[in-house]
Structures are given as C-alpha cells and as structure tokens.
Amino acid sequence: MTTEALMQAASEVATLAGAIAHQHFRTALSVEHKADGSEVTIADRAAEQAARDWLEKHFPRDGIIGEEFGDSASDARRKWIVDPIDGTKSFVKGVPLWGTLVAVMEDDQVLASACDFAAVGEHLAAGLGCGAWWNGRRARVSGVDSLDRATLLCTDAAFQDRPDRGERWRSLSQSTAILRSWGDCYGYLMVATGRAELMTDSRLNLWDAAPVQLPVTEAGGVFTDWNGVGTLRGSGAIATNAALAKTIREKLLDRTEGAS
C-alpha cells in the first residue's frame, strides 16, 4: 500500500473516531481515573473502539496499539497507533483544544498519521515524503528566526519539577513574544501550521508522540526529545520550526550533544 493511501486511511479513521468523541463533548460525563492517574471517560473508550472496529475491518493483518485498550497483534510488523482523545482534561472541562490521533508505523518509523480536531474543525495529516496537510492545504512551519518574535507553547510546566529544566525554560520564555500553556496535541498542530515556533512536553507516550511527530517534520520542522534525539520514545518532546531549532535546543536540552 502506498504512503498516500495510508495517509488517507489514517485521516478516515481519525475523522470517524473524532466524530464519536465529539458526540460526548460538553455533555455530562462520568470521569474515571486510570492507574497512572490520568482521566478517562466513555468518550475515550467509544472513540477508540470505533477506530479499532474500522481498522480490524480494513487492515486485519495489522496490529493496533491504543491508549485505552492496549496492544493487539503484537507480532505484526505494521501497527496502528490510536489516541482517541489527546487532552482528556481539556475535553472534560469543555475546552475545545483536544484531538483524536492516529498513526501507522513499521518498526519505529511512522509512515503516515492524522490528527482530527473535531471541536474546532481542523484536520492535520502527513505521509512520509508526502508533506503535511492542514484542512487539505499544504502545512508549513513558520519562518520566524528570532526569539523576540516567537510563540512558545507547552501542555503544562511539569518539566519545572526538575530545577535545571525549569530554569532553562524560564530563561527561554522570558526572551520570547508569547507564552501559552494550553497544549496537548493542539500545540503540535500550531507548530506544524506556522502559528507557533515551539511546543514542548515533559513526557509523551507512544500514542501521544507518533501521530504528531510526522506532521511537524513533514511541514519542515524539527522534532526531538529533551536530549536532542529524533525519537518517539525519549524524554518528552521539543517540536520547533527549523529557523529556531538550534537556538531553542541550545537553551533547553538536557545535554547539547546530538542536538538537531
């Protein structure tokens, strides 16, 4: 199957699952807490089940890794990664900056992904070597090349629990134009579409990272962990445009070796 076809499939399943999640948005929801303390609702489970049903019908030989229902067909080389609602805390508060994330991988290489933002009517898709596409238009990171004009985003300030990271973050943020903390997947959309220059998280699971990495890089940006390594399984994420990638990583990285 071509990369373009995989990107189309990822978009279809993300849109489908996103619509299921959106049916529950701003309704009275019972919120449960999983073992790791994160929140989950019927909306998360219903959206992921819809994605799994679609994938099992159209790609029966592929594996699926989902946030809510785990890993199926773990020996399959090609796997679909599903995060039914990235930003559940925002979702249950009625804040529309959440998304439904889907990626397809072989080994550790993301081939295609899609991020559907049903509450705000935005959709981001990417295919390896095929570019990133925002509501059907080519997506590109910004060309901003000075920190005093840059917009910085983060999901929260959890990385400030480490004094060294916290001090570096405060120093960087004080030199930029705008700092905002509503993040989750929407922050990566903002970088990939040129509306922000940095999005960062202290920790990401595979289902958080895999769907957003490819849109950022295919839009011309840089996606690394806090050690400057381009990985989905490292110490969180730093996503930037290309023009400020070196400058930002010099200020933020846990170590400077290997910075992109």
C-alpha atoms as a PDB file:
ATOM      1  CA  MET A   1       0.000   0.000   0.000  1.00  0.00           C
ATOM      2  CA  THR A   2       1.297   3.458  -0.875  1.00  0.00           C
ATOM      3  CA  THR A   3       2.089   6.113   1.689  1.00  0.00           C
ATOM      4  CA  GLU A   4      -0.633   8.303   0.220  1.00  0.00           C
ATOM      5  CA  ALA A   5      -3.172   5.518   0.744  1.00  0.00           C
ATOM      6  CA  LEU A   6      -2.038   5.018   4.335  1.00  0.00           C
ATOM      7  CA  MET A   7      -2.347   8.761   4.954  1.00  0.00           C
ATOM      8  CA  GLN A   8      -5.885   8.700   3.554  1.00  0.00           C
ATOM      9  CA  ALA A   9      -6.746   5.734   5.770  1.00  0.00           C
ATOM     10  CA  ALA A  10      -5.321   7.453   8.845  1.00  0.00           C
ATOM     11  CA  SER A  11      -7.382  10.538   8.052  1.00  0.00           C
ATOM     12  CA  GLU A  12     -10.538   8.485   7.617  1.00  0.00           C
ATOM     13  CA  VAL A  13     -10.215   6.626  10.895  1.00  0.00           C
ATOM     14  CA  ALA A  14      -9.180   9.740  12.837  1.00  0.00           C
ATOM     15  CA  THR A  15     -12.178  11.632  11.476  1.00  0.00           C
ATOM     16  CA  LEU A  16     -14.504   8.752  12.329  1.00  0.00           C
ATOM     17  CA  ALA A  17     -13.213   8.376  15.902  1.00  0.00           C
ATOM     18  CA  GLY A  18     -13.089  12.147  16.369  1.00  0.00           C
ATOM     19  CA  ALA A  19     -16.761  12.414  15.440  1.00  0.00           C
ATOM     20  CA  ILE A  20     -17.644   9.746  18.014  1.00  0.00           C
ATOM     21  CA  ALA A  21     -15.706  11.609  20.706  1.00  0.00           C
ATOM     22  CA  HIS A  22     -17.309  14.891  19.713  1.00  0.00           C
ATOM     23  CA  GLN A  23     -20.781  13.461  20.330  1.00  0.00           C
ATOM     24  CA  HIS A  24     -19.868  13.366  24.030  1.00  0.00           C
ATOM     25  CA  PHE A  25     -18.169  16.773  24.158  1.00  0.00           C
ATOM     26  CA  ARG A  26     -19.736  19.250  26.592  1.00  0.00           C
ATOM     27  CA  THR A  27     -22.129  16.631  27.931  1.00  0.00           C
ATOM     28  CA  ALA A  28     -22.403  15.357  31.484  1.00  0.00           C
ATOM     29  CA  LEU A  29     -19.578  12.824  31.714  1.00  0.00           C
ATOM     30  CA  SER A  30     -18.532  10.498  34.488  1.00  0.00           C
ATOM     31  CA  VAL A  31     -14.762  10.765  34.837  1.00  0.00           C
ATOM     32  CA  GLU A  32     -12.692   7.796  35.995  1.00  0.00           C
ATOM     33  CA  HIS A  33      -9.001   7.701  36.830  1.00  0.00           C
ATOM     34  CA  LYS A  34      -6.656   5.072  35.463  1.00  0.00           C
ATOM     35  CA  ALA A  35      -3.770   3.511  37.357  1.00  0.00           C
ATOM     36  CA  ASP A  36      -1.393   6.244  36.199  1.00  0.00           C
ATOM     37  CA  GLY A  37      -3.756   8.965  37.456  1.00  0.00           C
ATOM     38  CA  SER A  38      -4.879  10.099  34.004  1.00  0.00           C
ATOM     39  CA  GLU A  39      -8.558  10.680  33.295  1.00  0.00           C
ATOM     40  CA  VAL A  40     -10.760   8.534  31.082  1.00  0.00           C
ATOM     41  CA  THR A  41     -14.421   8.718  30.055  1.00  0.00           C
ATOM     42  CA  ILE A  42     -16.923   6.833  27.961  1.00  0.00           C
ATOM     43  CA  ALA A  43     -15.972   9.162  25.112  1.00  0.00           C
ATOM     44  CA  ASP A  44     -12.359   7.911  25.090  1.00  0.00           C
ATOM     45  CA  ARG A  45     -13.443   4.284  25.058  1.00  0.00           C
ATOM     46  CA  ALA A  46     -16.186   4.699  22.456  1.00  0.00           C
ATOM     47  CA  ALA A  47     -13.897   6.610  20.092  1.00  0.00           C
ATOM     48  CA  GLU A  48     -11.093   4.076  20.376  1.00  0.00           C
ATOM     49  CA  GLN A  49     -13.487   1.171  19.883  1.00  0.00           C
ATOM     50  CA  ALA A  50     -14.801   2.786  16.704  1.00  0.00           C
ATOM     51  CA  ALA A  51     -11.232   3.195  15.437  1.00  0.00           C
ATOM     52  CA  ARG A  52     -10.387  -0.418  16.278  1.00  0.00           C
ATOM     53  CA  ASP A  53     -13.507  -1.736  14.562  1.00  0.00           C
ATOM     54  CA  TRP A  54     -12.635   0.199  11.392  1.00  0.00           C
ATOM     55  CA  LEU A  55      -9.002  -0.872  11.405  1.00  0.00           C
ATOM     56  CA  GLU A  56      -9.799  -4.529  12.077  1.00  0.00           C
ATOM     57  CA  LYS A  57     -12.152  -4.492   9.088  1.00  0.00           C
ATOM     58  CA  HIS A  58      -9.813  -2.723   6.660  1.00  0.00           C
ATOM     59  CA  PHE A  59      -6.378  -3.861   7.930  1.00  0.00           C
ATOM     60  CA  PRO A  60      -6.992  -7.252   9.584  1.00  0.00           C
ATOM     61  CA  ARG A  61      -3.333  -8.281   9.498  1.00  0.00           C
ATOM     62  CA  ASP A  62      -2.051  -5.135  11.200  1.00  0.00           C
ATOM     63  CA  GLY A  63      -1.567  -4.604  14.908  1.00  0.00           C
ATOM     64  CA  ILE A  64      -3.217  -1.874  16.950  1.00  0.00           C
ATOM     65  CA  ILE A  65      -1.821  -0.015  19.950  1.00  0.00           C
ATOM     66  CA  GLY A  66      -4.392   2.170  21.677  1.00  0.00           C
ATOM     67  CA  GLU A  67      -4.292   4.224  24.839  1.00  0.00           C
ATOM     68  CA  GLU A  68      -7.403   2.649  26.303  1.00  0.00           C
ATOM     69  CA  PHE A  69      -7.378  -0.983  25.112  1.00  0.00           C
ATOM     70  CA  GLY A  70      -3.692  -1.781  24.777  1.00  0.00           C
ATOM     71  CA  ASP A  71      -1.744  -3.744  22.169  1.00  0.00           C
ATOM     72  CA  SER A  72      -3.312  -6.278  19.815  1.00  0.00           C
ATOM     73  CA  ALA A  73      -1.423  -8.437  17.280  1.00  0.00           C
ATOM     74  CA  SER A  74       1.846  -7.502  18.930  1.00  0.00           C
ATOM     75  CA  ASP A  75       3.848  -9.598  16.450  1.00  0.00           C
ATOM     76  CA  ALA A  76       2.608  -7.621  13.433  1.00  0.00           C
ATOM     77  CA  ARG A  77       5.272  -5.505  11.769  1.00  0.00           C
ATOM     78  CA  ARG A  78       2.855  -2.751  10.773  1.00  0.00           C
ATOM     79  CA  LYS A  79       0.886  -1.221  13.626  1.00  0.00           C
ATOM     80  CA  TRP A  80      -1.717   1.486  14.019  1.00  0.00           C
ATOM     81  CA  ILE A  81      -1.376   3.814  16.991  1.00  0.00           C
ATOM     82  CA  VAL A  82      -4.575   5.348  18.372  1.00  0.00           C
ATOM     83  CA  ASP A  83      -5.119   8.057  20.968  1.00  0.00           C
ATOM     84  CA  PRO A  84      -8.901   8.581  20.944  1.00  0.00           C
ATOM     85  CA  ILE A  85      -8.810  11.849  22.907  1.00  0.00           C
ATOM     86  CA  ASP A  86      -5.499  13.562  23.432  1.00  0.00           C
ATOM     87  CA  GLY A  87      -6.248  16.226  26.002  1.00  0.00           C
ATOM     88  CA  THR A  88      -8.925  14.466  28.060  1.00  0.00           C
ATOM     89  CA  LYS A  89      -8.532  17.002  30.876  1.00  0.00           C
ATOM     90  CA  SER A  90      -9.378  19.770  28.421  1.00  0.00           C
ATOM     91  CA  PHE A  91     -12.178  17.667  26.941  1.00  0.00           C
ATOM     92  CA  VAL A  92     -13.971  17.144  30.257  1.00  0.00           C
ATOM     93  CA  LYS A  93     -13.668  20.866  31.050  1.00  0.00           C
ATOM     94  CA  GLY A  94     -15.339  21.788  27.778  1.00  0.00           C
ATOM     95  CA  VAL A  95     -12.167  23.268  26.284  1.00  0.00           C
ATOM     96  CA  PRO A  96     -12.040  22.501  22.538  1.00  0.00           C
ATOM     97  CA  LEU A  97      -8.248  22.068  22.209  1.00  0.00           C
ATOM     98  CA  TRP A  98      -8.266  18.259  22.130  1.00  0.00           C
ATOM     99  CA  GLY A  99      -7.742  15.892  19.263  1.00  0.00           C
ATOM    100  CA  THR A 100      -8.072  12.341  18.017  1.00  0.00           C
ATOM    101  CA  LEU A 101      -4.700  10.978  16.925  1.00  0.00           C
ATOM    102  CA  VAL A 102      -3.846   8.093  14.600  1.00  0.00           C
ATOM    103  CA  ALA A 103      -0.509   6.930  13.198  1.00  0.00           C
ATOM    104  CA  VAL A 104       0.662   3.898  11.260  1.00  0.00           C
ATOM    105  CA  MET A 105       4.180   2.590  11.842  1.00  0.00           C
ATOM    106  CA  GLU A 106       6.538  -0.097  10.629  1.00  0.00           C
ATOM    107  CA  ASP A 107       9.152  -0.893  13.242  1.00  0.00           C
ATOM    108  CA  ASP A 108       9.861   2.581  14.723  1.00  0.00           C
ATOM    109  CA  GLN A 109       9.190   4.521  11.510  1.00  0.00           C
ATOM    110  CA  VAL A 110       5.946   6.477  11.228  1.00  0.00           C
ATOM    111  CA  LEU A 111       4.646   6.119   7.681  1.00  0.00           C
ATOM    112  CA  ALA A 112       1.544   8.282   7.958  1.00  0.00           C
ATOM    113  CA  SER A 113      -0.571   9.985  10.581  1.00  0.00           C
ATOM    114  CA  ALA A 114      -3.645  12.120  11.093  1.00  0.00           C
ATOM    115  CA  CYS A 115      -4.851  14.386  13.884  1.00  0.00           C
ATOM    116  CA  ASP A 116      -8.526  15.344  13.883  1.00  0.00           C
ATOM    117  CA  PHE A 117      -9.618  18.349  15.955  1.00  0.00           C
ATOM    118  CA  ALA A 118     -13.361  17.848  15.769  1.00  0.00           C
ATOM    119  CA  ALA A 119     -14.347  20.634  18.163  1.00  0.00           C
ATOM    120  CA  VAL A 120     -12.546  23.331  16.173  1.00  0.00           C
ATOM    121  CA  GLY A 121     -12.923  21.939  12.645  1.00  0.00           C
ATOM    122  CA  GLU A 122      -9.238  21.384  11.920  1.00  0.00           C
ATOM    123  CA  HIS A 123      -7.552  18.303  10.480  1.00  0.00           C
ATOM    124  CA  LEU A 124      -3.840  17.639  10.069  1.00  0.00           C
ATOM    125  CA  ALA A 125      -2.438  14.713   8.099  1.00  0.00           C
ATOM    126  CA  ALA A 126       1.025  13.710   6.935  1.00  0.00           C
ATOM    127  CA  GLY A 127       2.719  10.978   4.958  1.00  0.00           C
ATOM    128  CA  LEU A 128       6.403  10.162   4.926  1.00  0.00           C
ATOM    129  CA  GLY A 129       7.850  12.075   1.986  1.00  0.00           C
ATOM    130  CA  CYS A 130       4.384  13.386   1.059  1.00  0.00           C
ATOM    131  CA  GLY A 131       4.267  16.545   3.163  1.00  0.00           C
ATOM    132  CA  ALA A 132       1.851  17.683   5.846  1.00  0.00           C
ATOM    133  CA  TRP A 133      -1.677  18.819   5.040  1.00  0.00           C
ATOM    134  CA  TRP A 134      -3.931  21.094   7.087  1.00  0.00           C
ATOM    135  CA  ASN A 135      -7.607  21.031   6.054  1.00  0.00           C
ATOM    136  CA  GLY A 136      -6.464  19.960   2.586  1.00  0.00           C
ATOM    137  CA  ARG A 137      -3.808  22.658   2.203  1.00  0.00           C
ATOM    138  CA  ARG A 138      -0.061  22.191   2.456  1.00  0.00           C
ATOM    139  CA  ALA A 139       1.115  22.865   6.010  1.00  0.00           C
ATOM    140  CA  ARG A 140       4.444  24.564   6.689  1.00  0.00           C
ATOM    141  CA  VAL A 141       6.218  25.700   9.820  1.00  0.00           C
ATOM    142  CA  SER A 142       6.877  29.399  10.261  1.00  0.00           C
ATOM    143  CA  GLY A 143       9.980  31.217   9.131  1.00  0.00           C
ATOM    144  CA  VAL A 144      10.324  33.203  12.371  1.00  0.00           C
ATOM    145  CA  ASP A 145      14.030  33.291  13.177  1.00  0.00           C
ATOM    146  CA  SER A 146      14.277  35.467  16.276  1.00  0.00           C
ATOM    147  CA  LEU A 147      13.131  34.591  19.777  1.00  0.00           C
ATOM    148  CA  ASP A 148      11.653  38.020  20.409  1.00  0.00           C
ATOM    149  CA  ARG A 149       9.007  37.241  17.756  1.00  0.00           C
ATOM    150  CA  ALA A 150       8.453  33.613  18.739  1.00  0.00           C
ATOM    151  CA  THR A 151       5.434  31.934  20.317  1.00  0.00           C
ATOM    152  CA  LEU A 152       6.131  29.203  22.877  1.00  0.00           C
ATOM    153  CA  LEU A 153       3.602  26.574  23.924  1.00  0.00           C
ATOM    154  CA  CYS A 154       3.584  23.770  26.462  1.00  0.00           C
ATOM    155  CA  THR A 155       0.964  21.405  27.822  1.00  0.00           C
ATOM    156  CA  ASP A 156       1.914  22.340  31.367  1.00  0.00           C
ATOM    157  CA  ALA A 157       5.014  23.236  33.342  1.00  0.00           C
ATOM    158  CA  ALA A 158       5.643  19.721  34.670  1.00  0.00           C
ATOM    159  CA  PHE A 159       9.233  19.808  33.466  1.00  0.00           C
ATOM    160  CA  GLN A 160       9.859  22.561  36.001  1.00  0.00           C
ATOM    161  CA  ASP A 161       9.817  19.820  38.647  1.00  0.00           C
ATOM    162  CA  ARG A 162      13.421  19.403  37.579  1.00  0.00           C
ATOM    163  CA  PRO A 163      15.187  22.579  38.701  1.00  0.00           C
ATOM    164  CA  ASP A 164      17.669  22.534  35.803  1.00  0.00           C
ATOM    165  CA  ARG A 165      14.963  22.250  33.149  1.00  0.00           C
ATOM    166  CA  GLY A 166      12.755  24.751  34.918  1.00  0.00           C
ATOM    167  CA  GLU A 167      15.449  27.403  34.983  1.00  0.00           C
ATOM    168  CA  ARG A 168      16.268  26.879  31.300  1.00  0.00           C
ATOM    169  CA  TRP A 169      12.577  27.095  30.394  1.00  0.00           C
ATOM    170  CA  ARG A 170      12.075  30.319  32.349  1.00  0.00           C
ATOM    171  CA  SER A 171      15.138  31.863  30.733  1.00  0.00           C
ATOM    172  CA  LEU A 172      13.918  30.951  27.248  1.00  0.00           C
ATOM    173  CA  SER A 173      10.334  32.041  27.808  1.00  0.00           C
ATOM    174  CA  GLN A 174      11.378  35.449  29.096  1.00  0.00           C
ATOM    175  CA  SER A 175      13.024  36.194  25.745  1.00  0.00           C
ATOM    176  CA  THR A 176      10.024  35.359  23.541  1.00  0.00           C
ATOM    177  CA  ALA A 177       6.947  37.259  22.407  1.00  0.00           C
ATOM    178  CA  ILE A 178       4.168  34.940  23.596  1.00  0.00           C
ATOM    179  CA  LEU A 179       3.959  32.082  26.099  1.00  0.00           C
ATOM    180  CA  ARG A 180       0.840  29.933  26.403  1.00  0.00           C
ATOM    181  CA  SER A 181       0.169  26.719  28.290  1.00  0.00           C
ATOM    182  CA  TRP A 182      -2.892  25.203  26.591  1.00  0.00           C
ATOM    183  CA  GLY A 183      -1.151  22.449  24.724  1.00  0.00           C
ATOM    184  CA  ASP A 184      -1.546  18.715  24.264  1.00  0.00           C
ATOM    185  CA  CYS A 185      -1.757  17.785  20.580  1.00  0.00           C
ATOM    186  CA  TYR A 186      -3.086  21.204  19.586  1.00  0.00           C
ATOM    187  CA  GLY A 187       0.314  22.734  20.281  1.00  0.00           C
ATOM    188  CA  TYR A 188       1.945  20.477  17.686  1.00  0.00           C
ATOM    189  CA  LEU A 189      -0.719  21.475  15.172  1.00  0.00           C
ATOM    190  CA  MET A 190       0.203  25.103  15.878  1.00  0.00           C
ATOM    191  CA  VAL A 191       3.884  24.473  15.138  1.00  0.00           C
ATOM    192  CA  ALA A 192       3.194  22.420  12.002  1.00  0.00           C
ATOM    193  CA  THR A 193       0.929  25.149  10.606  1.00  0.00           C
ATOM    194  CA  GLY A 194       3.249  28.065  11.357  1.00  0.00           C
ATOM    195  CA  ARG A 195       1.230  29.609  14.190  1.00  0.00           C
ATOM    196  CA  ALA A 196       3.774  28.858  16.921  1.00  0.00           C
ATOM    197  CA  GLU A 197       7.510  28.200  16.965  1.00  0.00           C
ATOM    198  CA  LEU A 198       7.834  25.783  19.909  1.00  0.00           C
ATOM    199  CA  MET A 199       5.692  23.117  21.530  1.00  0.00           C
ATOM    200  CA  THR A 200       7.118  21.001  24.321  1.00  0.00           C
ATOM    201  CA  ASP A 201       6.088  18.256  26.736  1.00  0.00           C
ATOM    202  CA  SER A 202       7.993  16.696  29.604  1.00  0.00           C
ATOM    203  CA  ARG A 203       6.687  13.210  28.856  1.00  0.00           C
ATOM    204  CA  LEU A 204       4.836  11.545  25.990  1.00  0.00           C
ATOM    205  CA  ASN A 205       3.577   8.036  25.440  1.00  0.00           C
ATOM    206  CA  LEU A 206       3.904   6.434  22.011  1.00  0.00           C
ATOM    207  CA  TRP A 207       0.260   7.228  21.177  1.00  0.00           C
ATOM    208  CA  ASP A 208       0.882  10.893  22.036  1.00  0.00           C
ATOM    209  CA  ALA A 209       4.134  11.237  20.090  1.00  0.00           C
ATOM    210  CA  ALA A 210       3.810   9.093  16.954  1.00  0.00           C
ATOM    211  CA  PRO A 211       0.856  10.941  15.376  1.00  0.00           C
ATOM    212  CA  VAL A 212       2.298  14.458  15.889  1.00  0.00           C
ATOM    213  CA  GLN A 213       5.955  13.868  15.029  1.00  0.00           C
ATOM    214  CA  LEU A 214       5.455  13.318  11.296  1.00  0.00           C
ATOM    215  CA  PRO A 215       3.277  16.405  10.636  1.00  0.00           C
ATOM    216  CA  VAL A 216       5.905  18.594  12.317  1.00  0.00           C
ATOM    217  CA  THR A 217       8.826  17.164  10.349  1.00  0.00           C
ATOM    218  CA  GLU A 218       6.947  16.943   7.039  1.00  0.00           C
ATOM    219  CA  ALA A 219       5.974  20.598   7.489  1.00  0.00           C
ATOM    220  CA  GLY A 220       9.682  21.455   7.682  1.00  0.00           C
ATOM    221  CA  GLY A 221      10.096  21.456  11.453  1.00  0.00           C
ATOM    222  CA  VAL A 222      12.274  19.567  13.925  1.00  0.00           C
ATOM    223  CA  PHE A 223      11.008  17.051  16.493  1.00  0.00           C
ATOM    224  CA  THR A 224      13.343  15.702  19.179  1.00  0.00           C
ATOM    225  CA  ASP A 225      13.315  14.654  22.800  1.00  0.00           C
ATOM    226  CA  TRP A 226      14.961  16.703  25.554  1.00  0.00           C
ATOM    227  CA  ASN A 227      18.315  15.157  24.654  1.00  0.00           C
ATOM    228  CA  GLY A 228      18.106  16.367  21.073  1.00  0.00           C
ATOM    229  CA  VAL A 229      17.421  12.893  19.698  1.00  0.00           C
ATOM    230  CA  GLY A 230      14.796  12.420  16.992  1.00  0.00           C
ATOM    231  CA  THR A 231      12.918   9.639  18.745  1.00  0.00           C
ATOM    232  CA  LEU A 232       9.358   8.798  19.742  1.00  0.00           C
ATOM    233  CA  ARG A 233      10.449   7.011  22.894  1.00  0.00           C
ATOM    234  CA  GLY A 234      12.690   9.558  24.580  1.00  0.00           C
ATOM    235  CA  SER A 235      12.435  12.152  27.313  1.00  0.00           C
ATOM    236  CA  GLY A 236       9.375  14.086  26.221  1.00  0.00           C
ATOM    237  CA  ALA A 237       9.311  16.244  23.113  1.00  0.00           C
ATOM    238  CA  ILE A 238      10.577  19.539  21.739  1.00  0.00           C
ATOM    239  CA  ALA A 239       8.937  20.479  18.433  1.00  0.00           C
ATOM    240  CA  THR A 240      10.094  23.637  16.664  1.00  0.00           C
ATOM    241  CA  ASN A 241      10.271  25.358  13.330  1.00  0.00           C
ATOM    242  CA  ALA A 242      13.604  24.919  11.535  1.00  0.00           C
ATOM    243  CA  ALA A 243      14.761  28.519  11.820  1.00  0.00           C
ATOM    244  CA  LEU A 244      14.862  28.458  15.632  1.00  0.00           C
ATOM    245  CA  ALA A 245      15.619  24.759  16.152  1.00  0.00           C
ATOM    246  CA  LYS A 246      19.296  25.202  17.015  1.00  0.00           C
ATOM    247  CA  THR A 247      18.767  28.269  19.191  1.00  0.00           C
ATOM    248  CA  ILE A 248      15.941  26.745  21.189  1.00  0.00           C
ATOM    249  CA  ARG A 249      17.702  23.444  21.732  1.00  0.00           C
ATOM    250  CA  GLU A 250      20.876  25.163  22.879  1.00  0.00           C
ATOM    251  CA  LYS A 251      18.764  26.761  25.595  1.00  0.00           C
ATOM    252  CA  LEU A 252      16.591  23.760  26.551  1.00  0.00           C
ATOM    253  CA  LEU A 253      18.390  20.466  26.034  1.00  0.00           C
ATOM    254  CA  ASP A 254      19.322  18.233  28.917  1.00  0.00           C
ATOM    255  CA  ARG A 255      22.615  17.811  27.087  1.00  0.00           C
ATOM    256  CA  THR A 256      23.870  19.545  23.962  1.00  0.00           C
ATOM    257  CA  GLU A 257      25.381  16.507  22.243  1.00  0.00           C
ATOM    258  CA  GLY A 258      23.266  15.156  19.434  1.00  0.00           C
ATOM    259  CA  ALA A 259      21.103  18.256  19.059  1.00  0.00           C
ATOM    260  CA  SER A 260      19.417  18.533  15.709  1.00  0.00           C
END
